């Protein structure tokens, strides 16, 4: 079995910062891409950021210059550093990992989500 567990969400004031973590565990052989998505109430789930195993990053236009994605391959963990937070960033944030399992299958796994609320 494979699990992705997000943490670090919470309540933060506009302009503040928050760091999200997502740790993968279980029957993992290797992890290729690790992504962050978010879903605001009543809206579709949107792409936020991606990082490849080699460290190449990609960001949604709405978060460029404010968010930074990184990873620790030794810990199978991806991070999302969020700075200059805005009301519009309020959402449930989900991590996703495309990985090769010990059963030699490439599969996508999703975390349970962590809520980020930006409010004064």
C-alpha atoms as a PDB file:
ATOM      1  CA  UNK A   1       0.000   0.000   0.000  1.00  0.00           C
ATOM      2  CA  UNK A   2       1.034   3.610  -0.643  1.00  0.00           C
ATOM      3  CA  UNK A   3       0.022   6.650   1.355  1.00  0.00           C
ATOM      4  CA  UNK A   4       0.546  10.374   0.820  1.00  0.00           C
ATOM      5  CA  UNK A   5       0.028  12.499   3.912  1.00  0.00           C
ATOM      6  CA  UNK A   6      -0.135  16.300   3.701  1.00  0.00           C
ATOM      7  CA  UNK A   7       0.500  18.581   6.637  1.00  0.00           C
ATOM      8  CA  UNK A   8       1.135  22.227   7.399  1.00  0.00           C
ATOM      9  CA  UNK A   9      -2.207  23.759   6.522  1.00  0.00           C
ATOM     10  CA  UNK A  10      -3.997  26.176   8.787  1.00  0.00           C
ATOM     11  CA  UNK A  11      -5.187  29.737   9.254  1.00  0.00           C
ATOM     12  CA  UNK A  12      -2.897  32.546   8.128  1.00  0.00           C
ATOM     13  CA  UNK A  13      -3.308  36.286   7.619  1.00  0.00           C
ATOM     14  CA  UNK A  14      -2.990  37.925   4.195  1.00  0.00           C
ATOM     15  CA  UNK A  15       0.661  38.522   3.367  1.00  0.00           C
ATOM     16  CA  UNK A  16       1.748  35.707   5.624  1.00  0.00           C
ATOM     17  CA  UNK A  17       3.591  32.494   4.849  1.00  0.00           C
ATOM     18  CA  UNK A  18       2.927  28.805   5.221  1.00  0.00           C
ATOM     19  CA  UNK A  19       4.887  25.683   4.360  1.00  0.00           C
ATOM     20  CA  UNK A  20       3.095  22.520   3.303  1.00  0.00           C
ATOM     21  CA  UNK A  21       4.620  19.057   3.390  1.00  0.00           C
ATOM     22  CA  UNK A  22       3.591  15.815   1.738  1.00  0.00           C
ATOM     23  CA  UNK A  23       5.285  12.589   2.722  1.00  0.00           C
ATOM     24  CA  UNK A  24       4.917   9.394   0.719  1.00  0.00           C
ATOM     25  CA  UNK A  25       5.296   5.985   2.299  1.00  0.00           C
ATOM     26  CA  UNK A  26       4.573   2.358   1.562  1.00  0.00           C
ATOM     27  CA  UNK A  27       5.358   0.084  -1.353  1.00  0.00           C
ATOM     28  CA  UNK A  28       7.401   2.628  -3.300  1.00  0.00           C
ATOM     29  CA  UNK A  29      10.241   1.862  -5.641  1.00  0.00           C
ATOM     30  CA  UNK A  30      10.783   5.378  -6.960  1.00  0.00           C
ATOM     31  CA  UNK A  31       8.869   8.623  -7.437  1.00  0.00           C
ATOM     32  CA  UNK A  32       8.968  10.602 -10.659  1.00  0.00           C
ATOM     33  CA  UNK A  33       6.826  13.760 -10.581  1.00  0.00           C
ATOM     34  CA  UNK A  34       5.375  15.298  -7.443  1.00  0.00           C
ATOM     35  CA  UNK A  35       2.639  17.908  -7.811  1.00  0.00           C
ATOM     36  CA  UNK A  36       0.487  20.238  -5.768  1.00  0.00           C
ATOM     37  CA  UNK A  37      -3.135  20.965  -6.657  1.00  0.00           C
ATOM     38  CA  UNK A  38      -5.751  23.005  -4.863  1.00  0.00           C
ATOM     39  CA  UNK A  39      -9.524  23.190  -4.779  1.00  0.00           C
ATOM     40  CA  UNK A  40     -11.469  26.173  -3.483  1.00  0.00           C
ATOM     41  CA  UNK A  41     -15.102  25.794  -2.375  1.00  0.00           C
ATOM     42  CA  UNK A  42     -17.403  25.399  -5.360  1.00  0.00           C
ATOM     43  CA  UNK A  43     -14.528  25.319  -7.852  1.00  0.00           C
ATOM     44  CA  UNK A  44     -12.628  22.698  -9.808  1.00  0.00           C
ATOM     45  CA  UNK A  45      -9.314  21.303  -8.675  1.00  0.00           C
ATOM     46  CA  UNK A  46      -6.498  23.369 -10.212  1.00  0.00           C
ATOM     47  CA  UNK A  47      -2.827  22.720 -10.820  1.00  0.00           C
ATOM     48  CA  UNK A  48      -0.444  24.681  -8.604  1.00  0.00           C
ATOM     49  CA  UNK A  49       3.099  23.378  -9.040  1.00  0.00           C
ATOM     50  CA  UNK A  50       5.133  20.421 -10.235  1.00  0.00           C
ATOM     51  CA  UNK A  51       8.648  19.197  -9.576  1.00  0.00           C
ATOM     52  CA  UNK A  52      10.363  16.335 -11.376  1.00  0.00           C
ATOM     53  CA  UNK A  53      12.748  13.902  -9.758  1.00  0.00           C
ATOM     54  CA  UNK A  54      15.602  15.872 -11.309  1.00  0.00           C
ATOM     55  CA  UNK A  55      14.369  19.128  -9.810  1.00  0.00           C
ATOM     56  CA  UNK A  56      12.724  20.824 -12.790  1.00  0.00           C
ATOM     57  CA  UNK A  57       9.799  22.967 -11.629  1.00  0.00           C
ATOM     58  CA  UNK A  58       6.628  24.339 -13.173  1.00  0.00           C
ATOM     59  CA  UNK A  59       4.112  26.757 -11.634  1.00  0.00           C
ATOM     60  CA  UNK A  60       0.648  28.052 -12.301  1.00  0.00           C
ATOM     61  CA  UNK A  61       0.703  31.717 -13.320  1.00  0.00           C
ATOM     62  CA  UNK A  62      -1.308  32.678 -10.260  1.00  0.00           C
ATOM     63  CA  UNK A  63       1.434  31.562  -7.854  1.00  0.00           C
ATOM     64  CA  UNK A  64       4.647  32.363  -9.746  1.00  0.00           C
ATOM     65  CA  UNK A  65       7.000  34.456  -7.661  1.00  0.00           C
ATOM     66  CA  UNK A  66       5.154  33.634  -4.443  1.00  0.00           C
ATOM     67  CA  UNK A  67       5.236  29.834  -4.116  1.00  0.00           C
ATOM     68  CA  UNK A  68       8.237  27.523  -4.255  1.00  0.00           C
ATOM     69  CA  UNK A  69       8.056  23.764  -4.673  1.00  0.00           C
ATOM     70  CA  UNK A  70      10.907  21.534  -3.538  1.00  0.00           C
ATOM     71  CA  UNK A  71      11.526  17.907  -2.667  1.00  0.00           C
ATOM     72  CA  UNK A  72      13.707  15.625  -0.621  1.00  0.00           C
ATOM     73  CA  UNK A  73      14.116  12.412  -2.580  1.00  0.00           C
ATOM     74  CA  UNK A  74      15.713  10.594   0.334  1.00  0.00           C
ATOM     75  CA  UNK A  75      12.578  11.224   2.404  1.00  0.00           C
ATOM     76  CA  UNK A  76      10.041  10.856  -0.441  1.00  0.00           C
ATOM     77  CA  UNK A  77       8.683  14.239   0.561  1.00  0.00           C
ATOM     78  CA  UNK A  78       7.553  17.283  -1.408  1.00  0.00           C
ATOM     79  CA  UNK A  79       7.162  20.774   0.029  1.00  0.00           C
ATOM     80  CA  UNK A  80       5.311  23.910  -0.968  1.00  0.00           C
ATOM     81  CA  UNK A  81       6.569  27.164   0.513  1.00  0.00           C
ATOM     82  CA  UNK A  82       3.814  29.754   0.195  1.00  0.00           C
ATOM     83  CA  UNK A  83       4.658  33.428   0.684  1.00  0.00           C
ATOM     84  CA  UNK A  84       2.657  36.628   0.274  1.00  0.00           C
ATOM     85  CA  UNK A  85      -0.570  34.706   0.704  1.00  0.00           C
ATOM     86  CA  UNK A  86      -3.798  36.176  -0.613  1.00  0.00           C
ATOM     87  CA  UNK A  87      -7.480  35.528   0.087  1.00  0.00           C
ATOM     88  CA  UNK A  88      -7.649  33.806  -3.301  1.00  0.00           C
ATOM     89  CA  UNK A  89      -5.185  31.163  -2.091  1.00  0.00           C
ATOM     90  CA  UNK A  90      -7.755  29.753   0.325  1.00  0.00           C
ATOM     91  CA  UNK A  91      -8.354  26.138  -0.679  1.00  0.00           C
ATOM     92  CA  UNK A  92      -7.779  22.528   0.177  1.00  0.00           C
ATOM     93  CA  UNK A  93      -4.314  21.648  -1.086  1.00  0.00           C
ATOM     94  CA  UNK A  94      -3.612  18.158  -2.397  1.00  0.00           C
ATOM     95  CA  UNK A  95      -0.336  16.517  -3.300  1.00  0.00           C
ATOM     96  CA  UNK A  96       0.013  13.992  -6.089  1.00  0.00           C
ATOM     97  CA  UNK A  97       2.832  11.601  -6.862  1.00  0.00           C
ATOM     98  CA  UNK A  98       3.463   9.597 -10.000  1.00  0.00           C
ATOM     99  CA  UNK A  99       5.518   6.649  -8.879  1.00  0.00           C
ATOM    100  CA  UNK A 100       6.838   3.214  -9.661  1.00  0.00           C
ATOM    101  CA  UNK A 101       5.597   0.823  -7.006  1.00  0.00           C
ATOM    102  CA  UNK A 102       7.378  -2.270  -5.753  1.00  0.00           C
ATOM    103  CA  UNK A 103       4.946  -4.206  -7.941  1.00  0.00           C
ATOM    104  CA  UNK A 104       6.585  -2.455 -10.923  1.00  0.00           C
ATOM    105  CA  UNK A 105       3.517  -0.416 -11.856  1.00  0.00           C
ATOM    106  CA  UNK A 106       3.455   3.311 -12.617  1.00  0.00           C
ATOM    107  CA  UNK A 107       0.575   4.804 -10.651  1.00  0.00           C
ATOM    108  CA  UNK A 108      -0.733   8.162  -9.438  1.00  0.00           C
ATOM    109  CA  UNK A 109      -1.533   8.626  -5.764  1.00  0.00           C
ATOM    110  CA  UNK A 110      -3.316  11.497  -4.046  1.00  0.00           C
ATOM    111  CA  UNK A 111      -3.067  12.781  -0.523  1.00  0.00           C
ATOM    112  CA  UNK A 112      -6.095  13.445   1.661  1.00  0.00           C
ATOM    113  CA  UNK A 113      -5.722  17.218   1.438  1.00  0.00           C
ATOM    114  CA  UNK A 114      -4.822  19.951   3.896  1.00  0.00           C
ATOM    115  CA  UNK A 115      -6.881  23.111   4.336  1.00  0.00           C
ATOM    116  CA  UNK A 116      -5.278  26.531   3.938  1.00  0.00           C
ATOM    117  CA  UNK A 117      -7.399  29.480   5.016  1.00  0.00           C
ATOM    118  CA  UNK A 118      -6.180  33.025   4.365  1.00  0.00           C
ATOM    119  CA  UNK A 119      -8.197  35.449   6.437  1.00  0.00           C
ATOM    120  CA  UNK A 120      -7.765  38.586   8.501  1.00  0.00           C
END
